[in-house]
Protein backbone atom coordinates (compact mmCIF):
# COMPACT_ATOMS: atom_id res chain seq x y z
CA MET A 1 19.93 15.23 0.82
CA ASP A 2 21.07 11.89 2.08
CA VAL A 3 20.63 9.98 5.25
CA GLY A 4 24.36 10.45 5.96
CA LYS A 5 24.10 13.97 6.20
CA VAL A 6 20.81 13.95 8.22
CA ASN A 7 22.71 11.62 10.60
CA SER A 8 25.51 14.15 10.99
CA MET A 9 23.14 17.21 11.37
CA ASP A 10 23.77 18.72 15.03
CA PHE A 11 20.53 19.36 16.93
CA ARG A 12 20.15 23.24 15.79
CA GLU A 13 20.35 22.14 12.17
CA PHE A 14 18.08 19.04 12.30
CA VAL A 15 15.28 21.05 13.81
CA ASN A 16 15.77 24.05 11.56
CA VAL A 17 15.48 21.32 8.34
CA PHE A 18 12.67 18.92 9.87
CA GLY A 19 10.85 21.43 12.54
CA ASN A 20 7.82 21.87 9.95
CA VAL A 21 7.42 18.20 8.62
CA ILE A 22 4.62 18.14 11.51
CA GLU A 23 3.09 21.61 10.95
CA ARG A 24 4.36 24.13 13.50
CA CYS A 25 5.67 21.31 15.66
CA PRO A 26 9.54 21.68 15.89
CA LEU A 27 9.44 19.85 19.31
CA ILE A 28 8.85 16.68 17.58
CA ALA A 29 11.80 16.95 15.35
CA ALA A 30 13.71 18.00 18.44
CA ALA A 31 12.58 14.70 20.20
CA VAL A 32 13.28 12.71 16.98
CA TRP A 33 16.80 14.05 16.30
CA SER A 34 17.86 12.19 19.66
CA GLN A 35 17.00 8.84 17.72
CA ARG A 36 19.48 8.92 15.30
CA PRO A 37 21.02 7.43 13.35
CA PHE A 38 18.33 6.63 10.84
CA SER A 39 18.73 4.10 8.09
CA ASP A 40 16.99 6.06 5.26
CA TRP A 41 14.25 8.68 4.97
CA GLU A 42 11.44 6.07 5.54
CA ASP A 43 12.97 5.21 8.91
CA LEU A 44 13.09 8.77 9.65
CA GLU A 45 9.46 9.17 8.91
CA ARG A 46 8.80 6.14 11.07
CA HIS A 47 10.02 7.95 13.88
CA PHE A 48 8.10 10.86 13.43
CA SER A 49 5.08 8.83 13.02
CA ALA A 50 5.83 6.71 16.33
CA PHE A 51 6.51 9.85 18.39
CA ILE A 52 3.03 10.92 17.35
CA ASP A 53 1.36 7.53 18.21
CA ALA A 54 2.86 7.47 21.47
CA LEU A 55 1.37 10.83 22.60
CA PRO A 56 -1.68 10.77 24.94
CA GLN A 57 -4.92 12.00 23.05
CA SER A 58 -4.51 15.48 24.32
CA GLY A 59 -1.10 15.80 22.68
CA GLN A 60 -2.62 14.38 19.58
CA GLU A 61 -5.07 16.79 19.34
CA GLY A 62 -2.54 19.50 20.16
CA ILE A 63 -0.56 18.53 16.86
CA LEU A 64 -3.66 18.75 15.00
CA ARG A 65 -4.35 22.26 16.56
CA CYS A 66 -1.14 23.47 15.06
CA HIS A 67 -2.72 23.06 11.57
CA PRO A 68 -4.21 25.93 9.83
CA ASP A 69 -7.92 25.94 8.66
CA LEU A 70 -7.78 25.19 4.85
CA ALA A 71 -8.23 28.47 2.95
CA GLY A 72 -8.74 30.07 6.42
CA GLY A 73 -7.61 32.96 8.50
CA ASP A 74 -3.81 32.04 8.19
CA LEU A 75 -4.15 32.30 4.31
CA HIS A 76 -5.65 35.64 4.59
CA GLN A 77 -3.25 37.02 7.32
CA GLY A 78 -0.37 35.95 5.40
CA THR A 79 0.83 33.64 8.11
CA LEU A 80 0.62 30.20 6.41
CA THR A 81 3.95 28.14 6.48
CA VAL A 82 5.59 28.11 3.14
CA GLU A 83 4.71 24.35 2.87
CA SER A 84 0.91 24.76 3.80
CA GLN A 85 0.77 27.68 1.22
CA ARG A 86 2.18 25.40 -1.38
CA GLU A 87 0.11 22.36 -0.62
CA GLN A 88 -3.07 24.50 -0.52
CA SER A 89 -2.33 26.05 -3.82
CA VAL A 90 -1.87 22.78 -5.61
CA ALA A 91 -5.33 21.86 -4.10
CA GLY A 92 -6.80 25.03 -5.60
CA LEU A 93 -7.74 26.50 -2.37
CA LEU A 94 -5.74 29.88 -2.91
CA SER A 95 -8.22 30.71 -5.65
CA LEU A 96 -11.59 30.03 -4.42
CA GLY A 97 -14.64 32.16 -5.35
CA ALA A 98 -16.47 34.23 -2.70
CA ASP A 99 -19.26 31.65 -2.35
CA GLU A 100 -16.75 28.86 -2.06
CA GLY A 101 -14.60 30.62 0.49
CA LEU A 102 -17.72 31.31 2.48
CA ARG A 103 -18.84 27.78 2.21
CA LEU A 104 -15.54 26.52 3.37
CA ALA A 105 -15.24 29.02 6.31
CA GLU A 106 -18.77 27.70 7.33
CA LEU A 107 -17.49 24.12 7.04
CA ASN A 108 -14.39 24.78 8.74
CA SER A 109 -16.00 26.58 11.73
CA GLN A 110 -18.58 23.50 12.11
CA TYR A 111 -15.92 21.17 12.19
CA ARG A 112 -13.76 22.82 14.62
CA ALA A 113 -16.77 23.37 16.78
CA ARG A 114 -17.49 19.64 16.70
CA PHE A 115 -14.03 18.10 17.06
CA GLY A 116 -12.06 20.85 18.74
CA PHE A 117 -9.31 20.92 16.30
CA PRO A 118 -9.22 22.06 12.66
CA PHE A 119 -9.95 20.13 9.59
CA VAL A 120 -6.59 18.46 8.50
CA LEU A 121 -6.34 16.87 4.88
CA ALA A 122 -3.23 16.08 2.86
CA ALA A 123 -4.20 18.97 0.61
CA ARG A 124 -1.66 18.34 -2.31
CA LEU A 125 -3.25 14.87 -2.80
CA SER A 126 -6.61 16.58 -3.27
CA ASP A 127 -8.37 19.33 -5.36
CA ARG A 128 -11.05 21.71 -4.10
CA GLU A 129 -14.03 19.24 -4.84
CA VAL A 130 -12.28 16.60 -2.70
CA VAL A 131 -11.71 18.97 -0.10
CA PHE A 132 -15.43 20.09 0.32
CA ARG A 133 -16.53 16.49 -0.13
CA GLU A 134 -14.33 15.02 2.59
CA LEU A 135 -14.96 18.04 4.98
CA GLU A 136 -18.62 17.35 4.61
CA ARG A 137 -18.30 13.64 5.04
CA ARG A 138 -16.00 13.51 7.91
CA LEU A 139 -18.02 16.37 9.73
CA HIS A 140 -20.53 13.77 10.80
CA ARG A 141 -18.04 10.93 12.00
CA PRO A 142 -17.53 9.52 15.67
CA SER A 143 -14.88 11.62 17.13
CA THR A 144 -12.66 8.72 17.90
CA LEU A 145 -12.61 7.63 14.29
CA GLU A 146 -12.09 11.14 13.03
CA LEU A 147 -9.21 11.51 15.43
CA ARG A 148 -7.63 8.78 13.92
CA THR A 149 -8.35 9.89 10.38
CA ALA A 150 -6.95 13.35 10.89
CA LEU A 151 -3.79 12.03 12.53
CA GLY A 152 -3.59 9.79 9.47
CA GLU A 153 -3.64 12.96 7.30
CA VAL A 154 -0.89 14.58 9.50
CA LYS A 155 1.35 11.41 8.77
CA LYS A 156 0.58 11.58 5.01
CA ILE A 157 1.56 15.48 5.10
CA CYS A 158 4.81 14.30 6.96
CA ARG A 159 5.69 11.73 4.50
CA LEU A 160 5.27 14.40 1.67
CA ARG A 161 7.20 16.81 3.09
CA LEU A 162 10.17 14.37 4.13
CA ALA A 163 9.92 13.00 0.53
CA ASP A 164 10.52 16.52 -0.76
CA LEU A 165 13.37 17.17 1.52
CA PHE A 166 15.02 13.86 0.58
CA GLY A 167 13.98 14.60 -3.23
CA VAL A 168 12.41 11.14 -3.51
CA TYR A 169 9.08 10.47 -5.00
CA PRO A 170 7.42 7.83 -2.54
CA ALA A 171 4.74 5.18 -3.41
CA ALA A 172 1.30 6.44 -2.40
CA ARG A 173 -0.20 4.81 0.61
CA PRO A 174 -3.80 4.57 1.53
């Protein structure tokens, strides 16, 4: 896909293509569509990020709540998005043993109880050991710092999903 095609998309097509670059948030794609034309895929990424940054905290937390628990209920119920399933698979989360699954479910539950939203991590940049380590580490952080970190992970996921759609391989970002 190229940016010329993106800029020529009508509203419906744009939302269908980009509606899940921010997990289960097609309204963000709907808002970003009106900011065309984009100069390149990274400009489109900047518009998605700027939209997230401009939201009040309650809206930002809402975006986080749209994400599934890693290896959680959506996986077991078969309701993960295609993108999330692929990303969690890369991290080895679709093949956890029973003990690992129980441990991750407990950590997910503790995290959600503490922060009010699920643990978000760009899973495809990780493996299961990193997932456990990061979840345990971030569980004890101050809420404001964790909100910023989780939103940073959402933006990493967005960047990776946009790169997939554009068929590019972006340089890693911290």
